[in-house]
Amino acid sequence: MSTSTSFRLKVLTALSLTTVLLIQAVIYTSCQQDTCIKDAKEASAIIYLHVKSEQQTDATTRVEENLIKDLHILIYDNNGNLIAQKYTTNSTVTINTHSATDCTIYAIANTGTPELFNSYDIHWENNLKNKTYSLYDWNSLTKNNVLPMTGSQSHINIATGNNSLPDITVKRIAAKITLNVNIDQG
């Protein structure tokens, strides 16, 4: 065998070995990344959620008690951090978020104000719980001829991928009061 043929054979062997090693490294690295994605704490998730109103049949008012005209959905993880927020005029909602465990979902209906929860302070659940809204008269309360309602669902686990969650029932935050006045004779 000539020297040039021997040299070529050595070069081809070295290139083949290097190629095999590179392919193995790529395969090992790509498999490892897939494992990381499957185990990722915050992998992409989509939530399908329906909000319904509590049925009130024992009295009537001047407003549509069971109607949901608009809806704010706020989702907090187990640390109380906001992980998703959506405003809609539908009672069935699709929300893009990430996977998380032991979440709390809040539904606030009939505010009539799309930007009500756009402030930075609602990024923490405790701030949402302490948020107040001032009403100055009955007309402010029954804006758009509906009553404001709220509801929540705790201990929700959001998995990677598509999630259909249980319905959330909202209740009105205004109370009905019946006042009976009796006047004594004389």
N, C-alpha and C. Protein backbone atom coordinates (compact mmCIF):
# COMPACT_ATOMS: atom_id res chain seq x y z
N MET A 1 0.83 -1.16 0.00
CA MET A 1 0.00 0.00 0.00
C MET A 1 0.88 1.23 0.00
N SER A 2 0.53 2.17 -0.83
CA SER A 2 1.36 3.37 -0.95
C SER A 2 1.12 4.30 0.23
N THR A 3 2.01 5.22 0.40
CA THR A 3 1.93 6.17 1.51
C THR A 3 0.73 7.08 1.35
N SER A 4 0.44 7.51 0.14
CA SER A 4 -0.70 8.41 -0.08
C SER A 4 -2.03 7.69 0.18
N THR A 5 -2.13 6.40 -0.17
CA THR A 5 -3.34 5.64 0.09
C THR A 5 -3.51 5.43 1.58
N SER A 6 -2.45 5.13 2.27
CA SER A 6 -2.49 4.95 3.71
C SER A 6 -2.90 6.25 4.40
N PHE A 7 -2.37 7.37 3.93
CA PHE A 7 -2.72 8.67 4.50
C PHE A 7 -4.21 8.96 4.28
N ARG A 8 -4.70 8.71 3.06
CA ARG A 8 -6.12 8.94 2.74
C ARG A 8 -7.01 8.07 3.62
N LEU A 9 -6.64 6.85 3.83
CA LEU A 9 -7.41 5.93 4.66
C LEU A 9 -7.48 6.43 6.11
N LYS A 10 -6.36 6.93 6.62
CA LYS A 10 -6.33 7.47 7.98
C LYS A 10 -7.23 8.71 8.09
N VAL A 11 -7.18 9.57 7.08
CA VAL A 11 -8.01 10.79 7.08
C VAL A 11 -9.48 10.42 7.02
N LEU A 12 -9.85 9.49 6.15
CA LEU A 12 -11.25 9.07 6.04
C LEU A 12 -11.73 8.42 7.34
N THR A 13 -10.87 7.62 7.95
CA THR A 13 -11.24 6.99 9.22
C THR A 13 -11.46 8.05 10.30
N ALA A 14 -10.56 9.03 10.36
CA ALA A 14 -10.69 10.11 11.36
C ALA A 14 -11.96 10.92 11.11
N LEU A 15 -12.25 11.24 9.85
CA LEU A 15 -13.47 11.99 9.52
C LEU A 15 -14.71 11.19 9.84
N SER A 16 -14.70 9.90 9.55
CA SER A 16 -15.85 9.05 9.85
C SER A 16 -16.09 8.98 11.34
N LEU A 17 -15.02 8.81 12.10
CA LEU A 17 -15.14 8.74 13.55
C LEU A 17 -15.65 10.06 14.11
N THR A 18 -15.14 11.16 13.61
CA THR A 18 -15.58 12.48 14.06
C THR A 18 -17.06 12.70 13.72
N THR A 19 -17.48 12.28 12.53
CA THR A 19 -18.87 12.41 12.12
C THR A 19 -19.78 11.60 13.02
N VAL A 20 -19.40 10.38 13.33
CA VAL A 20 -20.19 9.53 14.20
C VAL A 20 -20.31 10.16 15.59
N LEU A 21 -19.20 10.66 16.10
CA LEU A 21 -19.23 11.31 17.42
C LEU A 21 -20.12 12.56 17.42
N LEU A 22 -20.06 13.35 16.36
CA LEU A 22 -20.92 14.54 16.25
C LEU A 22 -22.40 14.16 16.19
N ILE A 23 -22.72 13.14 15.43
CA ILE A 23 -24.11 12.68 15.32
C ILE A 23 -24.61 12.20 16.67
N GLN A 24 -23.78 11.45 17.39
CA GLN A 24 -24.16 10.98 18.72
C GLN A 24 -24.38 12.15 19.68
N ALA A 25 -23.52 13.15 19.59
CA ALA A 25 -23.66 14.32 20.46
C ALA A 25 -24.96 15.06 20.16
N VAL A 26 -25.28 15.21 18.88
CA VAL A 26 -26.52 15.89 18.49
C VAL A 26 -27.73 15.09 18.97
N ILE A 27 -27.72 13.80 18.79
CA ILE A 27 -28.84 12.96 19.23
C ILE A 27 -28.98 13.04 20.74
N TYR A 28 -27.88 12.92 21.47
CA TYR A 28 -27.94 12.98 22.93
C TYR A 28 -28.46 14.34 23.40
N THR A 29 -27.97 15.40 22.80
CA THR A 29 -28.40 16.75 23.19
C THR A 29 -29.87 16.97 22.87
N SER A 30 -30.33 16.54 21.70
CA SER A 30 -31.74 16.75 21.34
C SER A 30 -32.65 15.95 22.24
N CYS A 31 -32.28 14.74 22.61
CA CYS A 31 -33.10 13.94 23.53
C CYS A 31 -33.14 14.59 24.90
N GLN A 32 -32.04 15.10 25.32
CA GLN A 32 -31.99 15.74 26.63
C GLN A 32 -32.88 16.98 26.65
N GLN A 33 -32.91 17.77 25.57
CA GLN A 33 -33.76 18.95 25.52
C GLN A 33 -35.24 18.56 25.55
N ASP A 34 -35.63 17.48 24.86
CA ASP A 34 -37.02 17.04 24.90
C ASP A 34 -37.42 16.68 26.32
N THR A 35 -36.54 16.02 27.04
CA THR A 35 -36.82 15.66 28.43
C THR A 35 -37.02 16.91 29.25
N CYS A 36 -36.19 17.90 29.04
CA CYS A 36 -36.32 19.15 29.79
C CYS A 36 -37.65 19.82 29.49
N ILE A 37 -38.07 19.81 28.25
CA ILE A 37 -39.35 20.44 27.91
C ILE A 37 -40.50 19.71 28.57
N LYS A 38 -40.44 18.36 28.59
CA LYS A 38 -41.51 17.60 29.23
C LYS A 38 -41.57 17.87 30.72
N ASP A 39 -40.41 18.07 31.33
CA ASP A 39 -40.36 18.30 32.77
C ASP A 39 -40.42 19.77 33.13
N ALA A 40 -40.51 20.65 32.16
CA ALA A 40 -40.48 22.08 32.45
C ALA A 40 -41.65 22.48 33.32
N LYS A 41 -41.36 23.30 34.30
CA LYS A 41 -42.39 23.75 35.22
C LYS A 41 -43.38 24.67 34.52
N GLU A 42 -42.91 25.42 33.54
CA GLU A 42 -43.76 26.42 32.91
C GLU A 42 -43.90 26.18 31.41
N ALA A 43 -44.33 25.00 31.03
CA ALA A 43 -44.56 24.70 29.62
C ALA A 43 -45.89 25.32 29.19
N SER A 44 -46.02 25.59 27.92
CA SER A 44 -47.20 26.26 27.37
C SER A 44 -48.48 25.47 27.63
N ALA A 45 -49.55 26.20 27.97
CA ALA A 45 -50.84 25.56 28.23
C ALA A 45 -51.96 26.46 27.72
N ILE A 46 -53.06 25.84 27.33
CA ILE A 46 -54.27 26.56 26.90
C ILE A 46 -55.42 26.08 27.77
N ILE A 47 -56.19 27.03 28.28
CA ILE A 47 -57.31 26.72 29.17
C ILE A 47 -58.61 27.04 28.45
N TYR A 48 -59.56 26.12 28.54
CA TYR A 48 -60.92 26.35 28.07
C TYR A 48 -61.80 26.40 29.31
N LEU A 49 -62.53 27.48 29.47
CA LEU A 49 -63.27 27.72 30.70
C LEU A 49 -64.63 28.33 30.38
N HIS A 50 -65.66 27.88 31.09
CA HIS A 50 -67.00 28.45 30.95
C HIS A 50 -67.41 29.04 32.29
N VAL A 51 -67.95 30.25 32.25
CA VAL A 51 -68.43 30.92 33.45
C VAL A 51 -69.93 31.05 33.34
N LYS A 52 -70.63 30.67 34.40
CA LYS A 52 -72.09 30.77 34.41
C LYS A 52 -72.52 31.52 35.66
N SER A 53 -73.69 32.10 35.59
CA SER A 53 -74.20 32.85 36.74
C SER A 53 -75.06 31.95 37.61
N GLU A 54 -75.06 32.27 38.89
CA GLU A 54 -75.91 31.56 39.83
C GLU A 54 -77.36 31.92 39.51
N GLN A 55 -78.23 30.95 39.48
CA GLN A 55 -79.63 31.21 39.15
C GLN A 55 -80.38 31.80 40.34
N GLN A 56 -81.00 32.94 40.12
CA GLN A 56 -81.80 33.61 41.14
C GLN A 56 -83.25 33.58 40.67
N THR A 57 -84.11 32.93 41.42
CA THR A 57 -85.50 32.82 41.00
C THR A 57 -86.49 33.31 42.05
N ASP A 58 -86.01 33.75 43.20
CA ASP A 58 -86.93 34.08 44.28
C ASP A 58 -87.37 35.55 44.33
N ALA A 59 -86.83 36.39 43.47
CA ALA A 59 -87.22 37.80 43.47
C ALA A 59 -86.86 38.42 42.13
N THR A 60 -87.38 39.59 41.89
CA THR A 60 -87.07 40.28 40.64
C THR A 60 -86.56 41.68 40.97
N THR A 61 -85.74 42.19 40.08
CA THR A 61 -85.24 43.56 40.20
C THR A 61 -85.36 44.23 38.85
N ARG A 62 -84.86 45.43 38.79
CA ARG A 62 -84.94 46.18 37.54
C ARG A 62 -83.82 45.84 36.58
N VAL A 63 -82.98 44.88 36.92
CA VAL A 63 -81.84 44.53 36.07
C VAL A 63 -81.88 43.05 35.71
N GLU A 64 -81.08 42.69 34.72
CA GLU A 64 -80.92 41.28 34.32
C GLU A 64 -79.96 40.63 35.30
N GLU A 65 -80.47 39.89 36.26
CA GLU A 65 -79.64 39.34 37.33
C GLU A 65 -78.68 38.25 36.88
N ASN A 66 -79.07 37.46 35.90
CA ASN A 66 -78.27 36.30 35.53
C ASN A 66 -77.43 36.51 34.27
N LEU A 67 -77.48 37.68 33.70
CA LEU A 67 -76.80 37.95 32.44
C LEU A 67 -75.34 38.33 32.67
N ILE A 68 -74.45 37.73 31.89
CA ILE A 68 -73.03 38.09 31.91
C ILE A 68 -72.75 38.84 30.62
N LYS A 69 -72.48 40.14 30.73
CA LYS A 69 -72.20 40.96 29.54
C LYS A 69 -70.71 41.05 29.25
N ASP A 70 -69.89 41.10 30.29
CA ASP A 70 -68.45 41.11 30.11
C ASP A 70 -67.81 40.38 31.27
N LEU A 71 -66.55 39.98 31.07
CA LEU A 71 -65.93 39.08 32.03
C LEU A 71 -64.42 39.30 32.08
N HIS A 72 -63.91 39.39 33.30
CA HIS A 72 -62.46 39.41 33.54
C HIS A 72 -62.08 38.07 34.15
N ILE A 73 -61.06 37.42 33.61
CA ILE A 73 -60.53 36.19 34.18
C ILE A 73 -59.09 36.49 34.61
N LEU A 74 -58.79 36.18 35.87
CA LEU A 74 -57.44 36.36 36.41
C LEU A 74 -57.01 35.03 37.03
N ILE A 75 -55.82 34.54 36.66
CA ILE A 75 -55.33 33.25 37.16
C ILE A 75 -54.03 33.49 37.91
N TYR A 76 -54.00 32.99 39.14
CA TYR A 76 -52.82 33.13 40.00
C TYR A 76 -52.24 31.76 40.31
N ASP A 77 -50.91 31.67 40.33
CA ASP A 77 -50.26 30.40 40.69
C ASP A 77 -50.24 30.23 42.21
N ASN A 78 -49.64 29.15 42.68
CA ASN A 78 -49.66 28.85 44.11
C ASN A 78 -48.83 29.82 44.94
N ASN A 79 -48.03 30.67 44.30
CA ASN A 79 -47.28 31.71 45.01
C ASN A 79 -48.02 33.05 45.01
N GLY A 80 -49.21 33.07 44.41
CA GLY A 80 -49.99 34.31 44.36
C GLY A 80 -49.58 35.26 43.26
N ASN A 81 -48.84 34.76 42.25
CA ASN A 81 -48.42 35.58 41.12
C ASN A 81 -49.39 35.41 39.95
N LEU A 82 -49.72 36.50 39.30
CA LEU A 82 -50.61 36.46 38.13
C LEU A 82 -49.90 35.74 36.99
N ILE A 83 -50.54 34.68 36.45
CA ILE A 83 -49.94 33.96 35.32
C ILE A 83 -50.76 34.10 34.04
N ALA A 84 -52.00 34.60 34.17
CA ALA A 84 -52.82 34.83 32.97
C ALA A 84 -53.95 35.79 33.33
N GLN A 85 -54.36 36.54 32.32
CA GLN A 85 -55.44 37.51 32.49
C GLN A 85 -56.14 37.67 31.14
N LYS A 86 -57.46 37.76 31.19
CA LYS A 86 -58.19 37.96 29.93
C LYS A 86 -59.49 38.71 30.21
N TYR A 87 -59.84 39.61 29.30
CA TYR A 87 -61.12 40.31 29.32
C TYR A 87 -61.87 39.88 28.08
N THR A 88 -63.17 39.57 28.23
CA THR A 88 -63.96 39.12 27.10
C THR A 88 -65.42 39.52 27.29
N THR A 89 -66.18 39.47 26.23
CA THR A 89 -67.62 39.70 26.31
C THR A 89 -68.38 38.38 26.13
N ASN A 90 -67.67 37.26 26.24
CA ASN A 90 -68.27 35.93 26.16
C ASN A 90 -68.16 35.23 27.50
N SER A 91 -69.02 34.26 27.74
CA SER A 91 -68.92 33.51 29.00
C SER A 91 -68.08 32.24 28.83
N THR A 92 -67.72 31.90 27.60
CA THR A 92 -66.79 30.81 27.35
C THR A 92 -65.48 31.43 26.89
N VAL A 93 -64.38 31.05 27.56
CA VAL A 93 -63.12 31.75 27.37
C VAL A 93 -62.00 30.76 27.05
N THR A 94 -61.10 31.16 26.16
CA THR A 94 -59.86 30.44 25.89
C THR A 94 -58.72 31.33 26.36
N ILE A 95 -57.85 30.79 27.21
CA ILE A 95 -56.78 31.58 27.80
C ILE A 95 -55.44 30.88 27.57
N ASN A 96 -54.46 31.62 27.08
CA ASN A 96 -53.10 31.10 26.93
C ASN A 96 -52.32 31.40 28.20
N THR A 97 -51.66 30.39 28.73
CA THR A 97 -50.87 30.57 29.95
C THR A 97 -49.77 29.53 29.95
N HIS A 98 -49.31 29.11 31.10
CA HIS A 98 -48.33 28.03 31.20
C HIS A 98 -48.77 27.06 32.30
N SER A 99 -48.15 25.91 32.31
CA SER A 99 -48.53 24.90 33.29
C SER A 99 -48.17 25.37 34.69
N ALA A 100 -49.01 25.00 35.65
CA ALA A 100 -48.80 25.37 37.05
C ALA A 100 -49.72 24.51 37.91
N THR A 101 -49.39 24.39 39.19
CA THR A 101 -50.21 23.60 40.10
C THR A 101 -50.81 24.48 41.19
N ASP A 102 -51.93 24.02 41.72
CA ASP A 102 -52.60 24.68 42.84
C ASP A 102 -52.91 26.15 42.56
N CYS A 103 -53.48 26.41 41.40
CA CYS A 103 -53.81 27.78 40.99
C CYS A 103 -55.19 28.19 41.49
N THR A 104 -55.44 29.49 41.50
CA THR A 104 -56.76 30.03 41.80
C THR A 104 -57.19 30.88 40.61
N ILE A 105 -58.42 30.64 40.14
CA ILE A 105 -58.96 31.39 39.01
C ILE A 105 -60.09 32.26 39.52
N TYR A 106 -60.04 33.54 39.18
CA TYR A 106 -61.08 34.49 39.56
C TYR A 106 -61.83 34.92 38.31
N ALA A 107 -63.15 35.00 38.43
CA ALA A 107 -64.00 35.51 37.36
C ALA A 107 -64.77 36.70 37.92
N ILE A 108 -64.65 37.85 37.27
CA ILE A 108 -65.35 39.06 37.69
C ILE A 108 -66.18 39.50 36.49
N ALA A 109 -67.50 39.53 36.67
CA ALA A 109 -68.40 39.80 35.55
C ALA A 109 -69.09 41.15 35.70
N ASN A 110 -69.43 41.72 34.56
CA ASN A 110 -70.28 42.91 34.45
C ASN A 110 -69.68 44.16 35.07
N THR A 111 -68.40 44.37 34.87
CA THR A 111 -67.79 45.62 35.34
C THR A 111 -68.01 46.74 34.34
N GLY A 112 -68.17 46.37 33.08
CA GLY A 112 -68.36 47.39 32.05
C GLY A 112 -67.09 48.18 31.78
N THR A 113 -65.97 47.74 32.33
CA THR A 113 -64.70 48.47 32.21
C THR A 113 -63.60 47.51 31.80
N PRO A 114 -63.26 47.45 30.51
CA PRO A 114 -62.23 46.51 30.05
C PRO A 114 -60.87 46.72 30.72
N GLU A 115 -60.52 47.94 31.05
CA GLU A 115 -59.20 48.23 31.61
C GLU A 115 -59.16 48.21 33.14
N LEU A 116 -60.22 47.74 33.79
CA LEU A 116 -60.29 47.75 35.25
C LEU A 116 -59.11 47.02 35.91
N PHE A 117 -58.65 45.93 35.32
CA PHE A 117 -57.56 45.15 35.91
C PHE A 117 -56.27 45.25 35.10
N ASN A 118 -56.05 46.38 34.46
CA ASN A 118 -54.83 46.57 33.68
C ASN A 118 -53.68 47.12 34.51
N SER A 119 -53.91 47.46 35.75
CA SER A 119 -52.85 48.07 36.55
C SER A 119 -51.87 47.02 37.06
N TYR A 120 -50.69 47.47 37.35
CA TYR A 120 -49.62 46.57 37.80
C TYR A 120 -49.91 45.95 39.15
N ASP A 121 -50.71 46.60 39.98
CA ASP A 121 -50.93 46.12 41.35
C ASP A 121 -51.69 44.80 41.42
N ILE A 122 -52.37 44.37 40.38
CA ILE A 122 -53.10 43.10 40.45
C ILE A 122 -52.22 41.91 40.07
N HIS A 123 -50.94 42.13 39.87
CA HIS A 123 -50.04 41.02 39.56
C HIS A 123 -49.83 40.09 40.75
N TRP A 124 -50.33 40.46 41.91
CA TRP A 124 -50.25 39.62 43.10
C TRP A 124 -51.65 39.41 43.62
N GLU A 125 -51.96 38.19 43.97
CA GLU A 125 -53.30 37.80 44.41
C GLU A 125 -53.77 38.60 45.63
N ASN A 126 -52.90 38.84 46.58
CA ASN A 126 -53.29 39.62 47.77
C ASN A 126 -53.75 41.02 47.40
N ASN A 127 -53.11 41.62 46.41
CA ASN A 127 -53.54 42.95 45.98
C ASN A 127 -54.92 42.90 45.32
N LEU A 128 -55.19 41.83 44.59
CA LEU A 128 -56.53 41.69 44.00
C LEU A 128 -57.57 41.57 45.10
N LYS A 129 -57.28 40.76 46.11
CA LYS A 129 -58.23 40.56 47.21
C LYS A 129 -58.48 41.85 47.98
N ASN A 130 -57.51 42.74 48.01
CA ASN A 130 -57.65 44.00 48.74
C ASN A 130 -58.16 45.15 47.87
N LYS A 131 -58.37 44.89 46.59
CA LYS A 131 -58.81 45.94 45.66
C LYS A 131 -60.24 46.35 46.00
N THR A 132 -60.49 47.64 45.99
CA THR A 132 -61.84 48.15 46.22
C THR A 132 -62.29 48.95 45.01
N TYR A 133 -63.58 49.06 44.89
CA TYR A 133 -64.18 49.82 43.81
C TYR A 133 -65.30 50.65 44.43
N SER A 134 -65.27 51.93 44.22
CA SER A 134 -66.25 52.82 44.85
C SER A 134 -67.47 53.00 43.96
N LEU A 135 -68.63 52.86 44.58
CA LEU A 135 -69.90 53.11 43.90
C LEU A 135 -70.57 54.29 44.59
N TYR A 136 -71.09 55.17 43.79
CA TYR A 136 -71.67 56.39 44.36
C TYR A 136 -73.19 56.39 44.33
N ASP A 137 -73.77 55.55 43.50
CA ASP A 137 -75.23 55.50 43.44
C ASP A 137 -75.66 54.18 42.80
N TRP A 138 -76.96 53.90 42.87
CA TRP A 138 -77.49 52.66 42.32
C TRP A 138 -77.22 52.54 40.83
N ASN A 139 -77.26 53.64 40.11
CA ASN A 139 -77.02 53.59 38.67
C ASN A 139 -75.60 53.13 38.35
N SER A 140 -74.64 53.48 39.20
CA SER A 140 -73.27 53.00 39.00
C SER A 140 -73.20 51.50 39.21
N LEU A 141 -73.95 50.99 40.17
CA LEU A 141 -73.96 49.57 40.48
C LEU A 141 -74.58 48.76 39.35
N THR A 142 -75.63 49.27 38.76
CA THR A 142 -76.35 48.53 37.72
C THR A 142 -76.00 49.02 36.33
N LYS A 143 -74.76 49.43 36.16
CA LYS A 143 -74.28 49.91 34.86
C LYS A 143 -74.60 48.87 33.79
N ASN A 144 -75.08 49.30 32.66
CA ASN A 144 -75.45 48.43 31.53
C ASN A 144 -76.58 47.47 31.87
N ASN A 145 -77.39 47.79 32.87
CA ASN A 145 -78.58 47.03 33.24
C ASN A 145 -78.26 45.61 33.71
N VAL A 146 -77.07 45.41 34.28
CA VAL A 146 -76.69 44.12 34.86
C VAL A 146 -76.02 44.37 36.21
N LEU A 147 -76.02 43.34 37.04
CA LEU A 147 -75.36 43.44 38.34
C LEU A 147 -73.94 42.88 38.26
N PRO A 148 -72.99 43.50 38.96
CA PRO A 148 -71.64 42.92 39.00
C PRO A 148 -71.66 41.59 39.75
N MET A 149 -70.87 40.64 39.28
CA MET A 149 -70.81 39.31 39.88
C MET A 149 -69.35 38.87 39.97
N THR A 150 -69.10 37.95 40.90
CA THR A 150 -67.75 37.42 41.04
C THR A 150 -67.80 35.97 41.51
N GLY A 151 -66.75 35.24 41.20
CA GLY A 151 -66.62 33.86 41.63
C GLY A 151 -65.18 33.42 41.48
N SER A 152 -64.82 32.32 42.11
CA SER A 152 -63.46 31.81 42.00
C SER A 152 -63.45 30.30 42.13
N GLN A 153 -62.36 29.72 41.71
CA GLN A 153 -62.13 28.28 41.79
C GLN A 153 -60.69 28.08 42.26
N SER A 154 -60.51 27.35 43.35
CA SER A 154 -59.17 27.14 43.92
C SER A 154 -58.66 25.74 43.62
N HIS A 155 -57.38 25.54 43.85
CA HIS A 155 -56.71 24.24 43.73
C HIS A 155 -56.84 23.65 42.32
N ILE A 156 -56.64 24.50 41.32
CA ILE A 156 -56.71 24.08 39.93
C ILE A 156 -55.30 23.77 39.44
N ASN A 157 -55.12 22.61 38.84
CA ASN A 157 -53.84 22.24 38.23
C ASN A 157 -53.95 22.43 36.72
N ILE A 158 -53.00 23.15 36.17
CA ILE A 158 -52.98 23.42 34.73
C ILE A 158 -51.84 22.62 34.13
N ALA A 159 -52.17 21.69 33.27
CA ALA A 159 -51.18 20.82 32.64
C ALA A 159 -50.70 21.43 31.33
N THR A 160 -49.58 20.94 30.86
CA THR A 160 -49.08 21.35 29.55
C THR A 160 -50.09 20.94 28.49
N GLY A 161 -50.31 21.78 27.49
CA GLY A 161 -51.25 21.46 26.42
C GLY A 161 -52.63 22.03 26.70
N ASN A 162 -53.66 21.35 26.22
CA ASN A 162 -55.04 21.83 26.35
C ASN A 162 -55.68 21.36 27.65
N ASN A 163 -56.40 22.27 28.30
CA ASN A 163 -57.05 21.97 29.58
C ASN A 163 -58.50 22.45 29.54
N SER A 164 -59.45 21.57 29.77
CA SER A 164 -60.84 21.96 29.95
C SER A 164 -61.10 21.96 31.45
N LEU A 165 -61.39 23.11 31.99
CA LEU A 165 -61.57 23.25 33.43
C LEU A 165 -63.05 23.24 33.79
N PRO A 166 -63.36 22.94 35.06
CA PRO A 166 -64.76 22.96 35.50
C PRO A 166 -65.33 24.38 35.39
N ASP A 167 -66.65 24.44 35.23
CA ASP A 167 -67.31 25.75 35.16
C ASP A 167 -67.07 26.53 36.45
N ILE A 168 -67.00 27.83 36.31
CA ILE A 168 -66.95 28.72 37.48
C ILE A 168 -68.31 29.41 37.56
N THR A 169 -68.91 29.38 38.73
CA THR A 169 -70.19 30.05 38.95
C THR A 169 -69.92 31.39 39.61
N VAL A 170 -70.49 32.43 39.04
CA VAL A 170 -70.36 33.77 39.63
C VAL A 170 -71.67 34.13 40.33
N LYS A 171 -71.53 34.86 41.43
CA LYS A 171 -72.68 35.33 42.20
C LYS A 171 -72.65 36.84 42.22
N ARG A 172 -73.80 37.42 42.31
CA ARG A 172 -73.85 38.88 42.32
C ARG A 172 -73.27 39.40 43.64
N ILE A 173 -72.64 40.55 43.56
CA ILE A 173 -72.04 41.12 44.76
C ILE A 173 -72.93 42.19 45.39
N ALA A 174 -74.13 42.33 44.86
CA ALA A 174 -75.11 43.23 45.46
C ALA A 174 -76.19 42.37 46.11
N ALA A 175 -76.66 42.79 47.25
CA ALA A 175 -77.66 42.00 47.97
C ALA A 175 -79.05 42.55 47.71
N LYS A 176 -80.01 41.64 47.67
CA LYS A 176 -81.41 42.04 47.61
C LYS A 176 -81.89 42.22 49.04
N ILE A 177 -82.56 43.28 49.28
CA ILE A 177 -83.08 43.52 50.63
C ILE A 177 -84.56 43.81 50.52
N THR A 178 -85.34 43.10 51.30
CA THR A 178 -86.77 43.36 51.39
C THR A 178 -87.02 44.03 52.74
N LEU A 179 -87.66 45.16 52.70
CA LEU A 179 -87.89 45.92 53.92
C LEU A 179 -89.39 45.99 54.17
N ASN A 180 -89.81 45.43 55.28
CA ASN A 180 -91.22 45.50 55.69
C ASN A 180 -91.32 46.50 56.83
N VAL A 181 -92.15 47.52 56.65
CA VAL A 181 -92.32 48.54 57.68
C VAL A 181 -93.72 48.43 58.24
N ASN A 182 -93.82 48.23 59.55
CA ASN A 182 -95.10 48.18 60.25
C ASN A 182 -95.16 49.37 61.19
N ILE A 183 -96.29 50.06 61.17
CA ILE A 183 -96.47 51.21 62.04
C ILE A 183 -97.49 50.86 63.11
N ASP A 184 -97.10 51.08 64.35
CA ASP A 184 -98.03 50.85 65.46
C ASP A 184 -99.18 51.84 65.40
N GLN A 185 -100.34 51.41 65.83
CA GLN A 185 -101.50 52.32 65.85
C GLN A 185 -101.28 53.39 66.91
N GLY A 186 -101.76 54.57 66.59
CA GLY A 186 -101.72 55.66 67.55
C GLY A 186 -100.44 56.38 67.43
